Structure formats: structure tokens, C-alpha cells
N, C-alpha and C. Protein backbone atom coordinates (compact mmCIF):
# COMPACT_ATOMS: atom_id res chain seq x y z
N MET A 1 -7.84 2.20 22.70
CA MET A 1 -8.22 3.06 21.47
C MET A 1 -9.58 3.88 22.19
N THR A 2 -9.60 5.55 21.18
CA THR A 2 -10.43 6.16 21.83
C THR A 2 -11.57 6.68 21.04
N TYR A 3 -12.76 6.58 21.20
CA TYR A 3 -13.84 7.20 20.27
C TYR A 3 -14.28 8.42 20.60
N ILE A 4 -14.53 8.97 18.83
CA ILE A 4 -15.12 10.52 19.14
C ILE A 4 -16.33 10.04 18.35
N TYR A 5 -17.46 10.67 18.96
CA TYR A 5 -18.56 10.55 18.78
C TYR A 5 -19.34 12.08 17.96
N ASN A 6 -20.16 11.76 16.95
CA ASN A 6 -20.81 13.07 16.45
C ASN A 6 -22.12 13.42 17.36
N ARG A 7 -22.77 12.65 18.07
CA ARG A 7 -23.69 13.57 19.01
C ARG A 7 -23.62 13.17 20.42
N ASP A 8 -23.91 11.78 20.50
CA ASP A 8 -23.49 10.98 21.98
C ASP A 8 -23.07 9.31 22.01
N ALA A 9 -22.95 8.68 23.22
CA ALA A 9 -22.47 7.73 22.74
C ALA A 9 -23.51 6.29 22.43
N THR A 10 -25.17 7.02 22.25
CA THR A 10 -25.78 5.89 21.61
C THR A 10 -25.89 5.89 20.18
N ASP A 11 -24.80 6.76 19.59
CA ASP A 11 -24.91 7.24 18.22
C ASP A 11 -23.54 5.87 17.50
N PHE A 12 -22.91 5.26 18.75
CA PHE A 12 -21.34 4.72 18.07
C PHE A 12 -21.91 3.79 16.93
N PHE A 13 -22.95 3.15 16.46
CA PHE A 13 -23.14 2.82 15.20
C PHE A 13 -23.50 3.42 14.11
N ALA A 14 -23.72 5.02 14.29
CA ALA A 14 -24.22 5.35 12.78
C ALA A 14 -23.02 5.37 12.50
N PRO A 15 -23.03 5.83 10.77
CA PRO A 15 -22.15 5.59 9.87
C PRO A 15 -21.14 6.95 10.02
N SER A 16 -21.31 7.68 10.90
CA SER A 16 -20.33 8.71 10.84
C SER A 16 -19.39 9.00 12.14
N TRP A 17 -19.32 8.06 12.67
CA TRP A 17 -18.09 8.11 14.09
C TRP A 17 -16.77 7.91 13.66
N ILE A 18 -15.62 8.90 14.52
CA ILE A 18 -14.08 8.30 14.10
C ILE A 18 -13.75 7.67 15.31
N ALA A 19 -12.99 6.80 14.91
CA ALA A 19 -11.97 5.97 15.65
C ALA A 19 -10.51 6.48 15.86
N ILE A 20 -10.07 6.72 16.90
CA ILE A 20 -8.50 7.16 16.67
C ILE A 20 -7.95 5.86 17.89
N PHE A 21 -7.01 5.08 16.86
CA PHE A 21 -6.30 3.81 17.14
C PHE A 21 -4.99 4.42 17.86
N THR A 22 -4.71 4.58 19.00
CA THR A 22 -3.36 4.84 19.86
C THR A 22 -2.70 3.85 20.10
N GLY A 23 -3.12 2.77 19.93
CA GLY A 23 -2.03 1.57 19.92
C GLY A 23 -1.45 1.35 18.80
N MET A 24 -1.81 2.09 17.45
CA MET A 24 -1.05 1.93 16.39
C MET A 24 -0.25 2.58 15.93
N GLY A 25 0.20 3.67 16.62
CA GLY A 25 0.96 4.17 16.63
C GLY A 25 0.90 5.57 15.51
N GLY A 26 -0.15 5.28 15.06
CA GLY A 26 -0.51 6.66 13.69
C GLY A 26 0.29 6.15 12.64
N PHE A 27 0.54 4.90 12.41
CA PHE A 27 0.63 4.36 11.47
C PHE A 27 1.90 5.06 10.49
N PRO A 28 3.27 4.83 11.35
CA PRO A 28 3.92 5.77 10.75
C PRO A 28 4.94 5.27 9.40
N ASN A 29 4.94 4.07 9.43
CA ASN A 29 5.50 3.33 8.19
C ASN A 29 4.27 3.18 6.77
N VAL A 30 3.63 4.22 6.74
CA VAL A 30 2.61 3.82 5.27
C VAL A 30 4.33 4.41 3.55
N LYS A 31 3.71 3.44 3.05
CA LYS A 31 4.71 2.89 2.02
C LYS A 31 3.64 3.47 0.59
N ILE A 32 3.73 4.00 -0.16
CA ILE A 32 3.26 4.50 -1.43
C ILE A 32 3.54 3.53 -2.46
N LEU A 33 2.58 2.37 -2.62
CA LEU A 33 3.42 1.45 -3.99
C LEU A 33 3.13 2.34 -5.21
N LYS A 34 1.50 2.84 -5.60
CA LYS A 34 1.11 3.63 -7.11
C LYS A 34 0.55 4.35 -6.63
N PHE A 35 0.74 5.62 -7.87
CA PHE A 35 0.28 6.66 -7.79
C PHE A 35 0.11 7.10 -9.31
N ASP A 36 -1.50 6.95 -9.10
CA ASP A 36 -1.50 7.45 -10.65
C ASP A 36 -3.08 8.66 -10.60
N LEU A 37 -3.10 9.34 -11.77
CA LEU A 37 -3.87 10.29 -11.89
C LEU A 37 -4.44 10.23 -13.38
N PRO A 38 -5.50 9.10 -13.78
CA PRO A 38 -5.49 8.47 -14.31
C PRO A 38 -6.73 9.47 -15.47
N SER A 39 -7.42 10.17 -15.26
CA SER A 39 -8.23 11.19 -15.52
C SER A 39 -8.65 12.27 -14.98
N ASP A 40 -9.63 13.26 -15.80
CA ASP A 40 -10.08 14.47 -15.25
C ASP A 40 -11.30 13.66 -14.62
N ALA A 41 -11.81 14.59 -13.18
CA ALA A 41 -12.71 14.24 -12.42
C ALA A 41 -13.86 14.99 -13.41
N PRO A 42 -15.11 14.98 -13.24
CA PRO A 42 -16.61 15.76 -13.56
C PRO A 42 -15.93 17.45 -13.43
N PRO A 43 -16.34 18.74 -14.50
CA PRO A 43 -16.01 19.77 -14.01
C PRO A 43 -15.42 20.26 -12.82
N GLY A 44 -14.78 21.05 -12.67
CA GLY A 44 -14.34 21.53 -11.33
C GLY A 44 -14.39 20.78 -10.18
N GLN A 45 -14.42 19.45 -9.97
CA GLN A 45 -13.97 18.82 -8.84
C GLN A 45 -12.42 18.36 -8.92
N GLY A 46 -11.73 18.31 -9.71
CA GLY A 46 -10.28 17.85 -9.73
C GLY A 46 -9.70 16.96 -10.75
N ILE A 47 -8.91 15.88 -10.29
CA ILE A 47 -8.60 14.87 -11.19
C ILE A 47 -8.66 13.84 -10.24
N ASN A 48 -9.05 12.65 -10.87
CA ASN A 48 -9.68 11.08 -10.39
C ASN A 48 -8.21 10.78 -9.94
N LEU A 49 -8.08 9.60 -9.09
CA LEU A 49 -7.04 9.72 -8.10
C LEU A 49 -6.95 8.29 -7.95
N GLN A 50 -5.98 7.30 -7.96
CA GLN A 50 -5.53 6.23 -7.53
C GLN A 50 -4.31 5.84 -6.80
N ILE A 51 -4.24 5.51 -5.50
CA ILE A 51 -3.41 5.47 -4.81
C ILE A 51 -3.26 3.66 -3.95
N ASP A 52 -2.18 2.96 -3.92
CA ASP A 52 -2.22 1.69 -3.42
C ASP A 52 -0.90 2.11 -2.50
N THR A 53 -1.50 1.43 -1.37
CA THR A 53 -0.52 1.37 -0.21
C THR A 53 -0.53 0.63 0.61
N ALA A 54 0.96 0.23 1.48
CA ALA A 54 1.05 -0.86 2.51
C ALA A 54 0.86 0.06 3.41
N MET A 55 0.00 -0.29 4.90
CA MET A 55 0.07 0.30 5.93
C MET A 55 0.36 -0.64 6.99
N ASN A 56 1.57 -0.49 7.41
CA ASN A 56 2.01 -1.63 8.51
C ASN A 56 1.48 -0.84 9.78
N ASN A 57 0.99 -1.96 10.43
CA ASN A 57 0.31 -2.13 11.67
C ASN A 57 0.89 -2.68 12.75
N PRO A 58 1.78 -1.65 14.22
CA PRO A 58 2.68 -2.15 14.77
C PRO A 58 1.63 -2.95 16.01
N SER A 59 0.81 -3.05 16.18
CA SER A 59 -0.27 -3.50 16.69
C SER A 59 -0.16 -5.06 16.67
N PRO A 60 -0.17 -6.05 17.68
CA PRO A 60 -0.25 -7.55 17.38
C PRO A 60 -2.05 -7.85 17.26
N ILE A 61 -2.46 -6.68 17.31
CA ILE A 61 -4.49 -6.74 16.90
C ILE A 61 -4.42 -6.29 15.31
N GLY A 62 -5.41 -7.40 15.02
CA GLY A 62 -5.79 -6.86 13.15
C GLY A 62 -7.28 -6.26 13.54
N ILE A 63 -7.63 -5.65 12.59
CA ILE A 63 -8.95 -4.83 12.81
C ILE A 63 -9.49 -4.78 11.13
N THR A 64 -10.94 -5.13 10.95
CA THR A 64 -11.69 -5.25 10.05
C THR A 64 -12.11 -3.57 9.72
N LEU A 65 -11.96 -2.89 9.06
CA LEU A 65 -12.60 -1.72 8.68
C LEU A 65 -13.53 -1.26 7.61
N GLY A 66 -13.89 -1.98 7.22
CA GLY A 66 -14.76 -1.96 6.10
C GLY A 66 -14.59 -1.00 5.14
N THR A 67 -15.52 -0.04 4.90
CA THR A 67 -15.27 1.12 3.41
C THR A 67 -14.69 2.14 4.97
N ILE A 68 -13.27 2.78 3.94
CA ILE A 68 -12.68 3.82 5.03
C ILE A 68 -12.79 5.15 3.86
N VAL A 69 -12.83 6.08 4.69
CA VAL A 69 -12.67 7.59 3.73
C VAL A 69 -11.40 8.29 4.34
N LEU A 70 -10.52 8.31 3.70
CA LEU A 70 -9.08 9.27 4.12
C LEU A 70 -9.42 10.73 3.46
N ASP A 71 -9.04 11.56 4.25
CA ASP A 71 -9.04 13.23 3.14
C ASP A 71 -7.10 13.10 3.34
N ILE A 72 -6.69 13.66 2.59
CA ILE A 72 -4.70 13.56 2.17
C ILE A 72 -4.86 15.22 2.27
N SER A 73 -3.88 15.22 2.84
CA SER A 73 -3.26 16.68 2.96
C SER A 73 -1.92 16.97 3.13
N THR A 74 -1.21 18.39 3.05
CA THR A 74 0.34 18.45 3.09
C THR A 74 0.12 20.02 3.89
N GLY A 75 0.45 19.47 4.96
CA GLY A 75 0.24 21.24 5.93
C GLY A 75 -1.02 21.03 6.33
N THR A 76 -1.39 22.60 5.68
CA THR A 76 -3.25 23.09 6.38
C THR A 76 -3.64 22.63 4.54
N THR A 77 -3.25 22.31 3.71
CA THR A 77 -3.70 22.37 2.52
C THR A 77 -4.47 21.00 2.19
N LYS A 78 -5.72 20.99 2.01
CA LYS A 78 -6.15 19.88 1.69
C LYS A 78 -5.96 19.22 0.08
N LEU A 79 -5.66 18.54 -0.22
CA LEU A 79 -5.42 18.01 -1.50
C LEU A 79 -6.57 16.87 -2.31
N GLY A 80 -7.09 16.36 -0.79
CA GLY A 80 -8.29 15.49 -1.67
C GLY A 80 -8.98 14.93 -0.88
N GLN A 81 -9.68 13.78 -1.34
CA GLN A 81 -9.99 12.46 -0.58
C GLN A 81 -10.48 11.29 -0.67
N VAL A 82 -10.11 10.02 -0.53
CA VAL A 82 -9.66 9.01 -1.18
C VAL A 82 -10.86 7.89 -0.10
N ARG A 83 -10.99 6.48 -0.84
CA ARG A 83 -11.97 5.93 -0.05
C ARG A 83 -11.50 4.12 -0.29
N ALA A 84 -11.86 3.34 0.68
CA ALA A 84 -11.29 2.32 -0.09
C ALA A 84 -12.22 0.96 0.52
N THR A 85 -12.43 0.35 0.28
CA THR A 85 -13.61 -0.68 0.36
C THR A 85 -12.94 -2.08 0.85
N GLY A 86 -13.65 -3.03 2.10
CA GLY A 86 -13.14 -3.89 2.36
C GLY A 86 -12.07 -3.62 2.83
N ALA A 87 -11.78 -2.63 3.74
CA ALA A 87 -10.11 -2.61 3.99
C ALA A 87 -9.79 -3.41 5.80
N SER A 88 -8.84 -4.05 5.51
CA SER A 88 -8.70 -4.53 6.95
C SER A 88 -6.80 -4.09 7.07
N LEU A 89 -6.88 -4.65 8.47
CA LEU A 89 -5.10 -3.73 8.75
C LEU A 89 -4.73 -5.36 10.17
N MET A 90 -3.96 -6.04 9.31
CA MET A 90 -3.51 -7.45 10.10
C MET A 90 -2.71 -6.97 10.76
N GLY A 91 -2.45 -7.63 11.82
CA GLY A 91 -1.43 -7.38 13.28
C GLY A 91 -0.08 -7.67 12.67
N LYS A 92 0.62 -6.71 13.42
CA LYS A 92 2.04 -6.99 12.98
C LYS A 92 2.55 -7.15 11.73
N SER A 93 1.78 -6.24 10.71
CA SER A 93 2.00 -6.57 9.03
C SER A 93 2.03 -5.57 8.29
N ASP A 94 1.97 -5.65 6.93
CA ASP A 94 2.03 -4.75 6.42
C ASP A 94 0.30 -4.95 5.62
N SER A 95 -0.39 -4.21 5.37
CA SER A 95 -1.72 -4.31 4.27
C SER A 95 -1.99 -3.69 3.21
N ILE A 96 -2.33 -3.88 2.38
CA ILE A 96 -2.34 -3.40 1.10
C ILE A 96 -4.06 -2.68 1.13
N LEU A 97 -3.80 -1.28 0.77
CA LEU A 97 -5.16 -0.92 0.94
C LEU A 97 -4.79 -0.25 -0.59
N ASN A 98 -6.22 -0.58 -1.33
CA ASN A 98 -6.71 0.41 -2.58
C ASN A 98 -7.21 1.51 -2.52
N LEU A 99 -6.62 2.74 -2.69
CA LEU A 99 -7.53 3.95 -2.32
C LEU A 99 -8.03 4.65 -4.08
N THR A 100 -9.31 5.11 -3.70
CA THR A 100 -9.48 5.87 -5.35
C THR A 100 -10.25 6.77 -4.78
N GLY A 101 -10.25 8.35 -5.58
CA GLY A 101 -11.05 9.53 -4.96
C GLY A 101 -10.69 10.58 -5.78
N THR A 102 -10.67 11.80 -5.47
CA THR A 102 -10.39 13.00 -6.01
C THR A 102 -9.45 13.83 -5.50
N MET A 103 -8.50 14.21 -6.10
CA MET A 103 -7.32 15.55 -6.06
C MET A 103 -7.72 16.66 -6.11
N TYR A 104 -8.01 17.35 -5.35
CA TYR A 104 -8.68 18.80 -5.46
C TYR A 104 -8.15 19.85 -6.18
N PRO A 105 -8.39 20.94 -7.20
CA PRO A 105 -7.89 21.67 -7.68
C PRO A 105 -7.16 22.63 -6.71
N GLN A 106 -6.14 23.46 -6.58
CA GLN A 106 -5.90 24.13 -5.99
C GLN A 106 -5.52 25.28 -6.41
N THR A 107 -6.35 26.65 -5.85
CA THR A 107 -6.72 27.98 -6.65
C THR A 107 -5.39 28.75 -5.65
N THR A 108 -5.43 28.84 -4.63
CA THR A 108 -5.32 30.08 -3.76
C THR A 108 -3.40 29.86 -3.90
N PRO A 109 -3.03 31.07 -3.95
CA PRO A 109 -1.35 31.19 -3.62
C PRO A 109 -0.46 30.20 -2.74
N GLN A 110 -0.97 30.06 -1.60
CA GLN A 110 -0.43 29.15 -0.52
C GLN A 110 -0.98 28.02 -0.72
N ASP A 111 -1.95 27.39 -1.19
CA ASP A 111 -2.03 26.11 -1.57
C ASP A 111 -1.58 25.41 -2.73
N LEU A 112 -1.63 26.73 -3.83
CA LEU A 112 -0.29 26.13 -5.14
C LEU A 112 1.11 26.10 -4.84
N ALA A 113 1.40 26.87 -3.96
CA ALA A 113 3.15 26.97 -3.17
C ALA A 113 2.86 25.27 -2.59
N ALA A 114 2.24 25.45 -1.76
CA ALA A 114 2.05 23.55 -0.98
C ALA A 114 2.20 22.54 -2.08
N VAL A 115 1.83 22.68 -2.87
CA VAL A 115 2.07 21.18 -4.22
C VAL A 115 3.11 21.42 -5.11
N ARG A 116 3.42 22.77 -4.97
CA ARG A 116 4.60 22.58 -5.85
C ARG A 116 6.32 21.98 -5.53
């Protein structure tokens, strides 16, 4: 496991550190079980988004992540951000993550082309 810190090693327990789990293979077998756009977000923020995923952890080691925030993108186009609370990844199995967040409005010709 590799850690990237915002400031220095003393910030390990700060809420804004990033962990890269190289032993988990980049989670190549993520399955989308449900994708729903139930309503508009507040004006100018986009559309509310709900995604249920099954993330396969190929590592024999499970990990409790707690609250996670994930950016959603395609190519260089950032589509939105989702969050899961109480997230855990069990070793050598699929773990269901219920993600909620916002899909951002796309306004540039490049970004609109990416989502078509």
C-alpha cells in the first residue's frame, strides 16, 4: 500500500489523505448494479445520482474504509462525485457499495461529446 499525504507524514490521521491500494489491482471488476438519476440537484449543481456497485477485492485482505468520496469521470471529463458511508471491502469477494452524489452539468462541446 502506498500513501500520499497532503502535507507531511504527521498528517496521516488528517481527514484529507489519499491511499492507493496497489495490491488490490485497481478494482478491475466493478459491476454497476443500479444507476438512478432520481431528481434535480439544487439549481446549477446538476442531477442527484444513486449508484449501487459490486466492487471485487482480489486481495485476501479486507479493509474498512468508513466514508469514501469518489470522483466519476470518462476520459478527461469529470462527471460528478459520489459518497458511500460505512464502506468495507471484504477480501477475495464482492462488496456492495451504495453511492450517492451529484452528476455535474456539462457545458463545453468536448464534455458534451464525451457523455453522448
